[in-house]
Amino acid sequence: MADNSSLPAQVRHYLETVPRETLPLTYQQLAEALALQPPRTIQRVAQALENLMREDAQHDRPFIAALVVSRRGEGLPAQGFFDLAVELGRFPADPAKHAEAWREEFERVLAAMN
């Protein structure tokens, strides 16, 4: 089981090495792939992804967290992803533009992984 301090690094490694045809993954799929045990598996995954978003913003990289989506919500990340992307200055504040911004970020991540 992943401990919370090393979880962001484990998430990054997994997302960088997962076969592209399996992307995007859901939060649940990622939690299962990392063999996380309850309680709060999805919350821990979300927190790790938020840590990675801050790290990626600091290093001017595309958000690797864009590779993970919610089971509900039309195949988009959870609202927290968008809130943090706006807070970090990477996405427009207008929610109507979030889906398109996410699609572009998803493509940037894939391009950066080549």
PDB file of N, CA and C in Angstrom:
ATOM      1  N   MET A   1       0.837  -1.189   0.000  1.00  0.00           N
ATOM      2  CA  MET A   1       0.000   0.000   0.000  1.00  0.00           C
ATOM      3  C   MET A   1       0.875   1.243   0.000  1.00  0.00           C
ATOM      4  N   ALA A   2       0.469   2.217  -0.761  1.00  0.00           N
ATOM      5  CA  ALA A   2       1.225   3.461  -0.849  1.00  0.00           C
ATOM      6  C   ALA A   2       0.992   4.307   0.393  1.00  0.00           C
ATOM      7  N   ASP A   3       2.066   4.856   0.948  1.00  0.00           N
ATOM      8  CA  ASP A   3       1.843   5.798   2.040  1.00  0.00           C
ATOM      9  C   ASP A   3       1.621   7.181   1.422  1.00  0.00           C
ATOM     10  N   ASN A   4       0.937   8.035   2.149  1.00  0.00           N
ATOM     11  CA  ASN A   4       0.493   9.301   1.577  1.00  0.00           C
ATOM     12  C   ASN A   4       1.632  10.216   1.158  1.00  0.00           C
ATOM     13  N   SER A   5       2.789  10.152   1.823  1.00  0.00           N
ATOM     14  CA  SER A   5       3.880  11.050   1.460  1.00  0.00           C
ATOM     15  C   SER A   5       4.509  10.676   0.123  1.00  0.00           C
ATOM     16  N   SER A   6       4.508   9.402  -0.210  1.00  0.00           N
ATOM     17  CA  SER A   6       5.103   8.985  -1.482  1.00  0.00           C
ATOM     18  C   SER A   6       4.057   8.809  -2.581  1.00  0.00           C
ATOM     19  N   LEU A   7       2.788   8.985  -2.238  1.00  0.00           N
ATOM     20  CA  LEU A   7       1.727   8.737  -3.210  1.00  0.00           C
ATOM     21  C   LEU A   7       1.835   9.617  -4.457  1.00  0.00           C
ATOM     22  N   PRO A   8       2.097  10.928  -4.345  1.00  0.00           N
ATOM     23  CA  PRO A   8       2.212  11.715  -5.583  1.00  0.00           C
ATOM     24  C   PRO A   8       3.277  11.172  -6.538  1.00  0.00           C
ATOM     25  N   ALA A   9       4.419  10.776  -6.032  1.00  0.00           N
ATOM     26  CA  ALA A   9       5.475  10.227  -6.888  1.00  0.00           C
ATOM     27  C   ALA A   9       5.027   8.917  -7.525  1.00  0.00           C
ATOM     28  N   GLN A  10       4.315   8.097  -6.770  1.00  0.00           N
ATOM     29  CA  GLN A  10       3.822   6.834  -7.316  1.00  0.00           C
ATOM     30  C   GLN A  10       2.768   7.083  -8.395  1.00  0.00           C
ATOM     31  N   VAL A  11       1.907   8.066  -8.156  1.00  0.00           N
ATOM     32  CA  VAL A  11       0.892   8.419  -9.150  1.00  0.00           C
ATOM     33  C   VAL A  11       1.570   8.906 -10.428  1.00  0.00           C
ATOM     34  N   ARG A  12       2.551   9.813 -10.294  1.00  0.00           N
ATOM     35  CA  ARG A  12       3.244  10.323 -11.480  1.00  0.00           C
ATOM     36  C   ARG A  12       3.887   9.179 -12.258  1.00  0.00           C
ATOM     37  N   HIS A  13       4.595   8.310 -11.556  1.00  0.00           N
ATOM     38  CA  HIS A  13       5.272   7.193 -12.222  1.00  0.00           C
ATOM     39  C   HIS A  13       4.256   6.316 -12.957  1.00  0.00           C
ATOM     40  N   TYR A  14       3.168   5.996 -12.302  1.00  0.00           N
ATOM     41  CA  TYR A  14       2.167   5.145 -12.938  1.00  0.00           C
ATOM     42  C   TYR A  14       1.602   5.813 -14.192  1.00  0.00           C
ATOM     43  N   LEU A  15       1.244   7.087 -14.080  1.00  0.00           N
ATOM     44  CA  LEU A  15       0.656   7.789 -15.230  1.00  0.00           C
ATOM     45  C   LEU A  15       1.660   7.947 -16.373  1.00  0.00           C
ATOM     46  N   GLU A  16       2.920   8.064 -16.050  1.00  0.00           N
ATOM     47  CA  GLU A  16       3.938   8.187 -17.100  1.00  0.00           C
ATOM     48  C   GLU A  16       4.208   6.866 -17.808  1.00  0.00           C
ATOM     49  N   THR A  17       3.856   5.758 -17.180  1.00  0.00           N
ATOM     50  CA  THR A  17       4.198   4.457 -17.757  1.00  0.00           C
ATOM     51  C   THR A  17       2.992   3.645 -18.217  1.00  0.00           C
ATOM     52  N   VAL A  18       1.787   4.094 -17.918  1.00  0.00           N
ATOM     53  CA  VAL A  18       0.594   3.355 -18.309  1.00  0.00           C
ATOM     54  C   VAL A  18       0.443   3.414 -19.835  1.00  0.00           C
ATOM     55  N   PRO A  19      -0.028   2.347 -20.455  1.00  0.00           N
ATOM     56  CA  PRO A  19      -0.231   2.380 -21.912  1.00  0.00           C
ATOM     57  C   PRO A  19      -1.202   3.501 -22.311  1.00  0.00           C
ATOM     58  N   ARG A  20      -0.833   4.249 -23.321  1.00  0.00           N
ATOM     59  CA  ARG A  20      -1.628   5.398 -23.758  1.00  0.00           C
ATOM     60  C   ARG A  20      -3.064   5.030 -24.097  1.00  0.00           C
ATOM     61  N   GLU A  21      -3.255   3.824 -24.633  1.00  0.00           N
ATOM     62  CA  GLU A  21      -4.611   3.449 -25.046  1.00  0.00           C
ATOM     63  C   GLU A  21      -5.545   3.246 -23.853  1.00  0.00           C
ATOM     64  N   THR A  22      -5.016   3.196 -22.639  1.00  0.00           N
ATOM     65  CA  THR A  22      -5.861   3.064 -21.454  1.00  0.00           C
ATOM     66  C   THR A  22      -6.279   4.417 -20.883  1.00  0.00           C
ATOM     67  N   LEU A  23      -5.773   5.487 -21.459  1.00  0.00           N
ATOM     68  CA  LEU A  23      -6.043   6.828 -20.938  1.00  0.00           C
ATOM     69  C   LEU A  23      -7.264   7.446 -21.591  1.00  0.00           C
ATOM     70  N   PRO A  24      -8.009   8.277 -20.872  1.00  0.00           N
ATOM     71  CA  PRO A  24      -7.802   8.624 -19.471  1.00  0.00           C
ATOM     72  C   PRO A  24      -8.267   7.516 -18.537  1.00  0.00           C
ATOM     73  N   LEU A  25      -7.723   7.535 -17.341  1.00  0.00           N
ATOM     74  CA  LEU A  25      -8.128   6.620 -16.277  1.00  0.00           C
ATOM     75  C   LEU A  25      -9.123   7.337 -15.367  1.00  0.00           C
ATOM     76  N   THR A  26      -9.950   6.565 -14.691  1.00  0.00           N
ATOM     77  CA  THR A  26     -10.791   7.173 -13.656  1.00  0.00           C
ATOM     78  C   THR A  26     -10.009   7.198 -12.344  1.00  0.00           C
ATOM     79  N   TYR A  27     -10.469   8.016 -11.422  1.00  0.00           N
ATOM     80  CA  TYR A  27      -9.849   8.061 -10.096  1.00  0.00           C
ATOM     81  C   TYR A  27      -9.871   6.661  -9.471  1.00  0.00           C
ATOM     82  N   GLN A  28     -10.982   5.946  -9.651  1.00  0.00           N
ATOM     83  CA  GLN A  28     -11.116   4.596  -9.094  1.00  0.00           C
ATOM     84  C   GLN A  28     -10.110   3.637  -9.736  1.00  0.00           C
ATOM     85  N   GLN A  29      -9.964   3.697 -11.049  1.00  0.00           N
ATOM     86  CA  GLN A  29      -8.991   2.830 -11.723  1.00  0.00           C
ATOM     87  C   GLN A  29      -7.579   3.105 -11.221  1.00  0.00           C
ATOM     88  N   LEU A  30      -7.255   4.370 -11.027  1.00  0.00           N
ATOM     89  CA  LEU A  30      -5.926   4.721 -10.532  1.00  0.00           C
ATOM     90  C   LEU A  30      -5.732   4.208  -9.112  1.00  0.00           C
ATOM     91  N   ALA A  31      -6.730   4.373  -8.261  1.00  0.00           N
ATOM     92  CA  ALA A  31      -6.634   3.878  -6.882  1.00  0.00           C
ATOM     93  C   ALA A  31      -6.425   2.364  -6.872  1.00  0.00           C
ATOM     94  N   GLU A  32      -7.160   1.659  -7.725  1.00  0.00           N
ATOM     95  CA  GLU A  32      -7.017   0.198  -7.794  1.00  0.00           C
ATOM     96  C   GLU A  32      -5.651  -0.194  -8.344  1.00  0.00           C
ATOM     97  N   ALA A  33      -5.171   0.508  -9.353  1.00  0.00           N
ATOM     98  CA  ALA A  33      -3.867   0.192  -9.940  1.00  0.00           C
ATOM     99  C   ALA A  33      -2.741   0.366  -8.922  1.00  0.00           C
ATOM    100  N   LEU A  34      -2.916   1.322  -8.011  1.00  0.00           N
ATOM    101  CA  LEU A  34      -1.908   1.572  -6.984  1.00  0.00           C
ATOM    102  C   LEU A  34      -2.143   0.734  -5.726  1.00  0.00           C
ATOM    103  N   ALA A  35      -3.163  -0.124  -5.778  1.00  0.00           N
ATOM    104  CA  ALA A  35      -3.508  -1.013  -4.665  1.00  0.00           C
ATOM    105  C   ALA A  35      -3.783  -0.245  -3.377  1.00  0.00           C
ATOM    106  N   LEU A  36      -4.430   0.899  -3.502  1.00  0.00           N
ATOM    107  CA  LEU A  36      -4.797   1.665  -2.313  1.00  0.00           C
ATOM    108  C   LEU A  36      -5.945   0.959  -1.594  1.00  0.00           C
ATOM    109  N   GLN A  37      -5.882   0.989  -0.296  1.00  0.00           N
ATOM    110  CA  GLN A  37      -6.903   0.360   0.530  1.00  0.00           C
ATOM    111  C   GLN A  37      -7.732   1.450   1.210  1.00  0.00           C
ATOM    112  N   PRO A  38      -9.045   1.195   1.388  1.00  0.00           N
ATOM    113  CA  PRO A  38      -9.876   2.165   2.107  1.00  0.00           C
ATOM    114  C   PRO A  38      -9.312   2.395   3.505  1.00  0.00           C
ATOM    115  N   PRO A  39      -9.624   3.488   4.114  1.00  0.00           N
ATOM    116  CA  PRO A  39     -10.631   4.475   3.726  1.00  0.00           C
ATOM    117  C   PRO A  39     -10.062   5.576   2.834  1.00  0.00           C
ATOM    118  N   ARG A  40     -10.955   6.333   2.231  1.00  0.00           N
ATOM    119  CA  ARG A  40     -10.673   7.573   1.497  1.00  0.00           C
ATOM    120  C   ARG A  40      -9.733   7.364   0.310  1.00  0.00           C
ATOM    121  N   THR A  41      -9.865   6.275  -0.423  1.00  0.00           N
ATOM    122  CA  THR A  41      -8.951   6.026  -1.537  1.00  0.00           C
ATOM    123  C   THR A  41      -9.064   7.111  -2.606  1.00  0.00           C
ATOM    124  N   ILE A  42     -10.276   7.475  -2.986  1.00  0.00           N
ATOM    125  CA  ILE A  42     -10.449   8.483  -4.036  1.00  0.00           C
ATOM    126  C   ILE A  42      -9.944   9.842  -3.552  1.00  0.00           C
ATOM    127  N   GLN A  43     -10.229  10.182  -2.303  1.00  0.00           N
ATOM    128  CA  GLN A  43      -9.755  11.445  -1.753  1.00  0.00           C
ATOM    129  C   GLN A  43      -8.225  11.493  -1.754  1.00  0.00           C
ATOM    130  N   ARG A  44      -7.586  10.399  -1.412  1.00  0.00           N
ATOM    131  CA  ARG A  44      -6.115  10.363  -1.396  1.00  0.00           C
ATOM    132  C   ARG A  44      -5.553  10.495  -2.808  1.00  0.00           C
ATOM    133  N   VAL A  45      -6.198   9.858  -3.777  1.00  0.00           N
ATOM    134  CA  VAL A  45      -5.777  10.011  -5.175  1.00  0.00           C
ATOM    135  C   VAL A  45      -5.934  11.469  -5.603  1.00  0.00           C
ATOM    136  N   ALA A  46      -7.068  12.066  -5.272  1.00  0.00           N
ATOM    137  CA  ALA A  46      -7.308  13.463  -5.650  1.00  0.00           C
ATOM    138  C   ALA A  46      -6.274  14.389  -5.018  1.00  0.00           C
ATOM    139  N   GLN A  47      -5.940  14.165  -3.761  1.00  0.00           N
ATOM    140  CA  GLN A  47      -4.926  15.000  -3.108  1.00  0.00           C
ATOM    141  C   GLN A  47      -3.562  14.832  -3.760  1.00  0.00           C
ATOM    142  N   ALA A  48      -3.214  13.613  -4.118  1.00  0.00           N
ATOM    143  CA  ALA A  48      -1.936  13.371  -4.796  1.00  0.00           C
ATOM    144  C   ALA A  48      -1.917  14.095  -6.145  1.00  0.00           C
ATOM    145  N   LEU A  49      -3.030  14.030  -6.876  1.00  0.00           N
ATOM    146  CA  LEU A  49      -3.105  14.708  -8.173  1.00  0.00           C
ATOM    147  C   LEU A  49      -3.007  16.218  -8.012  1.00  0.00           C
ATOM    148  N   GLU A  50      -3.611  16.763  -6.966  1.00  0.00           N
ATOM    149  CA  GLU A  50      -3.489  18.197  -6.716  1.00  0.00           C
ATOM    150  C   GLU A  50      -2.042  18.576  -6.412  1.00  0.00           C
ATOM    151  N   ASN A  51      -1.345  17.742  -5.650  1.00  0.00           N
ATOM    152  CA  ASN A  51       0.087  17.986  -5.393  1.00  0.00           C
ATOM    153  C   ASN A  51       0.859  18.002  -6.708  1.00  0.00           C
ATOM    154  N   LEU A  52       0.543  17.056  -7.589  1.00  0.00           N
ATOM    155  CA  LEU A  52       1.233  17.000  -8.881  1.00  0.00           C
ATOM    156  C   LEU A  52       0.908  18.225  -9.738  1.00  0.00           C
ATOM    157  N   MET A  53      -0.320  18.715  -9.662  1.00  0.00           N
ATOM    158  CA  MET A  53      -0.679  19.914 -10.421  1.00  0.00           C
ATOM    159  C   MET A  53       0.149  21.113  -9.956  1.00  0.00           C
ATOM    160  N   ARG A  54       0.307  21.259  -8.649  1.00  0.00           N
ATOM    161  CA  ARG A  54       1.124  22.363  -8.128  1.00  0.00           C
ATOM    162  C   ARG A  54       2.575  22.220  -8.593  1.00  0.00           C
ATOM    163  N   GLU A  55       3.081  21.005  -8.530  1.00  0.00           N
ATOM    164  CA  GLU A  55       4.450  20.719  -8.967  1.00  0.00           C
ATOM    165  C   GLU A  55       4.607  21.023 -10.467  1.00  0.00           C
ATOM    166  N   ASP A  56       3.641  20.571 -11.269  1.00  0.00           N
ATOM    167  CA  ASP A  56       3.713  20.807 -12.711  1.00  0.00           C
ATOM    168  C   ASP A  56       3.625  22.294 -13.030  1.00  0.00           C
ATOM    169  N   ALA A  57       2.775  23.018 -12.326  1.00  0.00           N
ATOM    170  CA  ALA A  57       2.669  24.463 -12.553  1.00  0.00           C
ATOM    171  C   ALA A  57       3.988  25.151 -12.207  1.00  0.00           C
ATOM    172  N   GLN A  58       4.600  24.742 -11.110  1.00  0.00           N
ATOM    173  CA  GLN A  58       5.870  25.324 -10.675  1.00  0.00           C
ATOM    174  C   GLN A  58       6.970  25.102 -11.714  1.00  0.00           C
ATOM    175  N   HIS A  59       6.927  23.956 -12.393  1.00  0.00           N
ATOM    176  CA  HIS A  59       7.957  23.606 -13.373  1.00  0.00           C
ATOM    177  C   HIS A  59       7.501  23.839 -14.815  1.00  0.00           C
ATOM    178  N   ASP A  60       6.380  24.524 -14.973  1.00  0.00           N
ATOM    179  CA  ASP A  60       5.840  24.876 -16.294  1.00  0.00           C
ATOM    180  C   ASP A  60       5.657  23.656 -17.196  1.00  0.00           C
ATOM    181  N   ARG A  61       5.112  22.583 -16.601  1.00  0.00           N
ATOM    182  CA  ARG A  61       4.798  21.362 -17.346  1.00  0.00           C
ATOM    183  C   ARG A  61       3.283  21.253 -17.482  1.00  0.00           C
ATOM    184  N   PRO A  62       2.805  20.518 -18.489  1.00  0.00           N
ATOM    185  CA  PRO A  62       1.365  20.251 -18.544  1.00  0.00           C
ATOM    186  C   PRO A  62       0.946  19.430 -17.327  1.00  0.00           C
ATOM    187  N   PHE A  63      -0.301  19.582 -16.934  1.00  0.00           N
ATOM    188  CA  PHE A  63      -0.817  18.878 -15.758  1.00  0.00           C
ATOM    189  C   PHE A  63      -0.999  17.398 -16.052  1.00  0.00           C
ATOM    190  N   ILE A  64      -0.141  16.551 -15.480  1.00  0.00           N
ATOM    191  CA  ILE A  64      -0.298  15.108 -15.661  1.00  0.00           C
ATOM    192  C   ILE A  64      -1.629  14.646 -15.059  1.00  0.00           C
ATOM    193  N   ALA A  65      -2.160  15.400 -14.130  1.00  0.00           N
ATOM    194  CA  ALA A  65      -3.461  15.076 -13.528  1.00  0.00           C
ATOM    195  C   ALA A  65      -4.593  15.102 -14.546  1.00  0.00           C
ATOM    196  N   ALA A  66      -4.374  15.726 -15.688  1.00  0.00           N
ATOM    197  CA  ALA A  66      -5.400  15.763 -16.737  1.00  0.00           C
ATOM    198  C   ALA A  66      -5.681  14.372 -17.292  1.00  0.00           C
ATOM    199  N   LEU A  67      -4.829  13.411 -16.995  1.00  0.00           N
ATOM    200  CA  LEU A  67      -5.018  12.045 -17.489  1.00  0.00           C
ATOM    201  C   LEU A  67      -6.023  11.252 -16.660  1.00  0.00           C
ATOM    202  N   VAL A  68      -6.548  11.866 -15.600  1.00  0.00           N
ATOM    203  CA  VAL A  68      -7.459  11.166 -14.689  1.00  0.00           C
ATOM    204  C   VAL A  68      -8.798  11.894 -14.661  1.00  0.00           C
ATOM    205  N   VAL A  69      -9.868  11.125 -14.820  1.00  0.00           N
ATOM    206  CA  VAL A  69     -11.209  11.702 -14.913  1.00  0.00           C
ATOM    207  C   VAL A  69     -12.156  11.032 -13.920  1.00  0.00           C
ATOM    208  N   SER A  70     -13.279  11.670 -13.747  1.00  0.00           N
ATOM    209  CA  SER A  70     -14.326  11.150 -12.870  1.00  0.00           C
ATOM    210  C   SER A  70     -15.194  10.155 -13.627  1.00  0.00           C
ATOM    211  N   ARG A  71     -15.739   9.184 -12.923  1.00  0.00           N
ATOM    212  CA  ARG A  71     -16.688   8.249 -13.553  1.00  0.00           C
ATOM    213  C   ARG A  71     -17.940   8.991 -13.992  1.00  0.00           C
ATOM    214  N   ARG A  72     -18.322   9.963 -13.210  1.00  0.00           N
ATOM    215  CA  ARG A  72     -19.471  10.780 -13.590  1.00  0.00           C
ATOM    216  C   ARG A  72     -18.922  12.113 -14.083  1.00  0.00           C
ATOM    217  N   GLY A  73     -19.701  12.838 -14.836  1.00  0.00           N
ATOM    218  CA  GLY A  73     -19.227  14.142 -15.282  1.00  0.00           C
ATOM    219  C   GLY A  73     -18.709  14.141 -16.703  1.00  0.00           C
ATOM    220  N   GLU A  74     -19.282  13.319 -17.572  1.00  0.00           N
ATOM    221  CA  GLU A  74     -18.979  13.363 -19.003  1.00  0.00           C
ATOM    222  C   GLU A  74     -17.517  13.105 -19.333  1.00  0.00           C
ATOM    223  N   GLY A  75     -16.870  12.263 -18.555  1.00  0.00           N
ATOM    224  CA  GLY A  75     -15.484  11.915 -18.849  1.00  0.00           C
ATOM    225  C   GLY A  75     -14.494  13.028 -18.580  1.00  0.00           C
ATOM    226  N   LEU A  76     -14.841  13.925 -17.676  1.00  0.00           N
ATOM    227  CA  LEU A  76     -13.960  15.032 -17.302  1.00  0.00           C
ATOM    228  C   LEU A  76     -13.444  14.818 -15.888  1.00  0.00           C
ATOM    229  N   PRO A  77     -12.357  15.499 -15.541  1.00  0.00           N
ATOM    230  CA  PRO A  77     -11.902  15.429 -14.148  1.00  0.00           C
ATOM    231  C   PRO A  77     -12.955  16.010 -13.197  1.00  0.00           C
ATOM    232  N   ALA A  78     -12.774  15.744 -11.920  1.00  0.00           N
ATOM    233  CA  ALA A  78     -13.661  16.290 -10.896  1.00  0.00           C
ATOM    234  C   ALA A  78     -13.480  17.812 -10.814  1.00  0.00           C
ATOM    235  N   GLN A  79     -14.458  18.461 -10.202  1.00  0.00           N
ATOM    236  CA  GLN A  79     -14.451  19.925 -10.115  1.00  0.00           C
ATOM    237  C   GLN A  79     -13.180  20.470  -9.465  1.00  0.00           C
ATOM    238  N   GLY A  80     -12.631  19.745  -8.500  1.00  0.00           N
ATOM    239  CA  GLY A  80     -11.411  20.210  -7.835  1.00  0.00           C
ATOM    240  C   GLY A  80     -10.259  20.423  -8.802  1.00  0.00           C
ATOM    241  N   PHE A  81     -10.184  19.603  -9.844  1.00  0.00           N
ATOM    242  CA  PHE A  81      -9.145  19.776 -10.869  1.00  0.00           C
ATOM    243  C   PHE A  81      -9.284  21.145 -11.517  1.00  0.00           C
ATOM    244  N   PHE A  82     -10.495  21.481 -11.910  1.00  0.00           N
ATOM    245  CA  PHE A  82     -10.730  22.753 -12.590  1.00  0.00           C
ATOM    246  C   PHE A  82     -10.505  23.931 -11.656  1.00  0.00           C
ATOM    247  N   ASP A  83     -10.973  23.800 -10.411  1.00  0.00           N
ATOM    248  CA  ASP A  83     -10.782  24.879  -9.437  1.00  0.00           C
ATOM    249  C   ASP A  83      -9.300  25.174  -9.243  1.00  0.00           C
ATOM    250  N   LEU A  84      -8.499  24.122  -9.103  1.00  0.00           N
ATOM    251  CA  LEU A  84      -7.070  24.318  -8.889  1.00  0.00           C
ATOM    252  C   LEU A  84      -6.391  24.824 -10.156  1.00  0.00           C
ATOM    253  N   ALA A  85      -6.802  24.342 -11.316  1.00  0.00           N
ATOM    254  CA  ALA A  85      -6.210  24.821 -12.578  1.00  0.00           C
ATOM    255  C   ALA A  85      -6.453  26.318 -12.751  1.00  0.00           C
ATOM    256  N   VAL A  86      -7.638  26.787 -12.367  1.00  0.00           N
ATOM    257  CA  VAL A  86      -7.936  28.221 -12.420  1.00  0.00           C
ATOM    258  C   VAL A  86      -7.084  28.961 -11.392  1.00  0.00           C
ATOM    259  N   GLU A  87      -7.041  28.423 -10.175  1.00  0.00           N
ATOM    260  CA  GLU A  87      -6.255  29.052  -9.102  1.00  0.00           C
ATOM    261  C   GLU A  87      -4.782  29.182  -9.491  1.00  0.00           C
ATOM    262  N   LEU A  88      -4.269  28.183 -10.190  1.00  0.00           N
ATOM    263  CA  LEU A  88      -2.860  28.195 -10.608  1.00  0.00           C
ATOM    264  C   LEU A  88      -2.630  29.028 -11.870  1.00  0.00           C
ATOM    265  N   GLY A  89      -3.701  29.608 -12.401  1.00  0.00           N
ATOM    266  CA  GLY A  89      -3.572  30.496 -13.551  1.00  0.00           C
ATOM    267  C   GLY A  89      -3.434  29.789 -14.885  1.00  0.00           C
ATOM    268  N   ARG A  90      -3.779  28.523 -14.943  1.00  0.00           N
ATOM    269  CA  ARG A  90      -3.597  27.762 -16.177  1.00  0.00           C
ATOM    270  C   ARG A  90      -4.881  27.600 -16.978  1.00  0.00           C
ATOM    271  N   PHE A  91      -6.040  27.717 -16.337  1.00  0.00           N
ATOM    272  CA  PHE A  91      -7.318  27.568 -17.021  1.00  0.00           C
ATOM    273  C   PHE A  91      -8.105  28.863 -16.887  1.00  0.00           C
ATOM    274  N   PRO A  92      -8.976  29.141 -17.855  1.00  0.00           N
ATOM    275  CA  PRO A  92      -9.824  30.332 -17.750  1.00  0.00           C
ATOM    276  C   PRO A  92     -10.811  30.176 -16.589  1.00  0.00           C
ATOM    277  N   ALA A  93     -11.208  31.293 -16.014  1.00  0.00           N
ATOM    278  CA  ALA A  93     -12.157  31.265 -14.898  1.00  0.00           C
ATOM    279  C   ALA A  93     -13.554  30.846 -15.354  1.00  0.00           C
ATOM    280  N   ASP A  94     -13.872  31.069 -16.612  1.00  0.00           N
ATOM    281  CA  ASP A  94     -15.203  30.772 -17.139  1.00  0.00           C
ATOM    282  C   ASP A  94     -15.413  29.258 -17.222  1.00  0.00           C
ATOM    283  N   PRO A  95     -16.345  28.703 -16.417  1.00  0.00           N
ATOM    284  CA  PRO A  95     -16.584  27.257 -16.441  1.00  0.00           C
ATOM    285  C   PRO A  95     -16.996  26.729 -17.815  1.00  0.00           C
ATOM    286  N   ALA A  96     -17.576  27.558 -18.646  1.00  0.00           N
ATOM    287  CA  ALA A  96     -17.985  27.121 -19.985  1.00  0.00           C
ATOM    288  C   ALA A  96     -16.780  26.753 -20.847  1.00  0.00           C
ATOM    289  N   LYS A  97     -15.607  27.214 -20.467  1.00  0.00           N
ATOM    290  CA  LYS A  97     -14.387  26.944 -21.240  1.00  0.00           C
ATOM    291  C   LYS A  97     -13.545  25.814 -20.644  1.00  0.00           C
ATOM    292  N   HIS A  98     -13.994  25.263 -19.530  1.00  0.00           N
ATOM    293  CA  HIS A  98     -13.182  24.252 -18.837  1.00  0.00           C
ATOM    294  C   HIS A  98     -13.016  22.964 -19.623  1.00  0.00           C
ATOM    295  N   ALA A  99     -14.076  22.465 -20.242  1.00  0.00           N
ATOM    296  CA  ALA A  99     -13.967  21.180 -20.950  1.00  0.00           C
ATOM    297  C   ALA A  99     -12.955  21.279 -22.081  1.00  0.00           C
ATOM    298  N   GLU A 100     -13.010  22.359 -22.836  1.00  0.00           N
ATOM    299  CA  GLU A 100     -12.062  22.537 -23.944  1.00  0.00           C
ATOM    300  C   GLU A 100     -10.635  22.719 -23.412  1.00  0.00           C
ATOM    301  N   ALA A 101     -10.481  23.471 -22.337  1.00  0.00           N
ATOM    302  CA  ALA A 101      -9.155  23.658 -21.740  1.00  0.00           C
ATOM    303  C   ALA A 101      -8.594  22.318 -21.272  1.00  0.00           C
ATOM    304  N   TRP A 102      -9.464  21.477 -20.685  1.00  0.00           N
ATOM    305  CA  TRP A 102      -9.006  20.161 -20.253  1.00  0.00           C
ATOM    306  C   TRP A 102      -8.573  19.315 -21.450  1.00  0.00           C
ATOM    307  N   ARG A 103      -9.356  19.308 -22.530  1.00  0.00           N
ATOM    308  CA  ARG A 103      -8.981  18.510 -23.710  1.00  0.00           C
ATOM    309  C   ARG A 103      -7.618  18.944 -24.250  1.00  0.00           C
ATOM    310  N   GLU A 104      -7.387  20.242 -24.288  1.00  0.00           N
ATOM    311  CA  GLU A 104      -6.093  20.746 -24.763  1.00  0.00           C
ATOM    312  C   GLU A 104      -4.964  20.326 -23.815  1.00  0.00           C
ATOM    313  N   GLU A 105      -5.233  20.392 -22.515  1.00  0.00           N
ATOM    314  CA  GLU A 105      -4.212  19.990 -21.532  1.00  0.00           C
ATOM    315  C   GLU A 105      -3.927  18.498 -21.640  1.00  0.00           C
ATOM    316  N   PHE A 106      -4.964  17.694 -21.818  1.00  0.00           N
ATOM    317  CA  PHE A 106      -4.808  16.256 -21.993  1.00  0.00           C
ATOM    318  C   PHE A 106      -3.880  15.980 -23.180  1.00  0.00           C
ATOM    319  N   GLU A 107      -4.101  16.651 -24.284  1.00  0.00           N
ATOM    320  CA  GLU A 107      -3.264  16.456 -25.486  1.00  0.00           C
ATOM    321  C   GLU A 107      -1.823  16.928 -25.232  1.00  0.00           C
ATOM    322  N   ARG A 108      -1.654  18.025 -24.478  1.00  0.00           N
ATOM    323  CA  ARG A 108      -0.301  18.500 -24.164  1.00  0.00           C
ATOM    324  C   ARG A 108       0.455  17.480 -23.325  1.00  0.00           C
ATOM    325  N   VAL A 109      -0.246  16.857 -22.380  1.00  0.00           N
ATOM    326  CA  VAL A 109       0.400  15.839 -21.554  1.00  0.00           C
ATOM    327  C   VAL A 109       0.849  14.672 -22.426  1.00  0.00           C
ATOM    328  N   LEU A 110      -0.019  14.204 -23.282  1.00  0.00           N
ATOM    329  CA  LEU A 110       0.347  13.079 -24.150  1.00  0.00           C
ATOM    330  C   LEU A 110       1.532  13.442 -25.029  1.00  0.00           C
ATOM    331  N   ALA A 111       1.537  14.647 -25.583  1.00  0.00           N
ATOM    332  CA  ALA A 111       2.643  15.080 -26.436  1.00  0.00           C
ATOM    333  C   ALA A 111       3.952  15.154 -25.640  1.00  0.00           C
ATOM    334  N   ALA A 112       3.872  15.597 -24.402  1.00  0.00           N
ATOM    335  CA  ALA A 112       5.072  15.717 -23.556  1.00  0.00           C
ATOM    336  C   ALA A 112       5.612  14.345 -23.161  1.00  0.00           C
ATOM    337  N   MET A 113       4.762  13.330 -23.192  1.00  0.00           N
ATOM    338  CA  MET A 113       5.186  11.992 -22.776  1.00  0.00           C
ATOM    339  C   MET A 113       5.902  11.243 -23.900  1.00  0.00           C
ATOM    340  N   ASN A 114       5.892  11.775 -25.089  1.00  0.00           N
ATOM    341  CA  ASN A 114       6.563  11.104 -26.212  1.00  0.00           C
ATOM    342  C   ASN A 114       8.058  11.168 -26.095  1.00  0.00           C
TER     343      ASN A 114
END
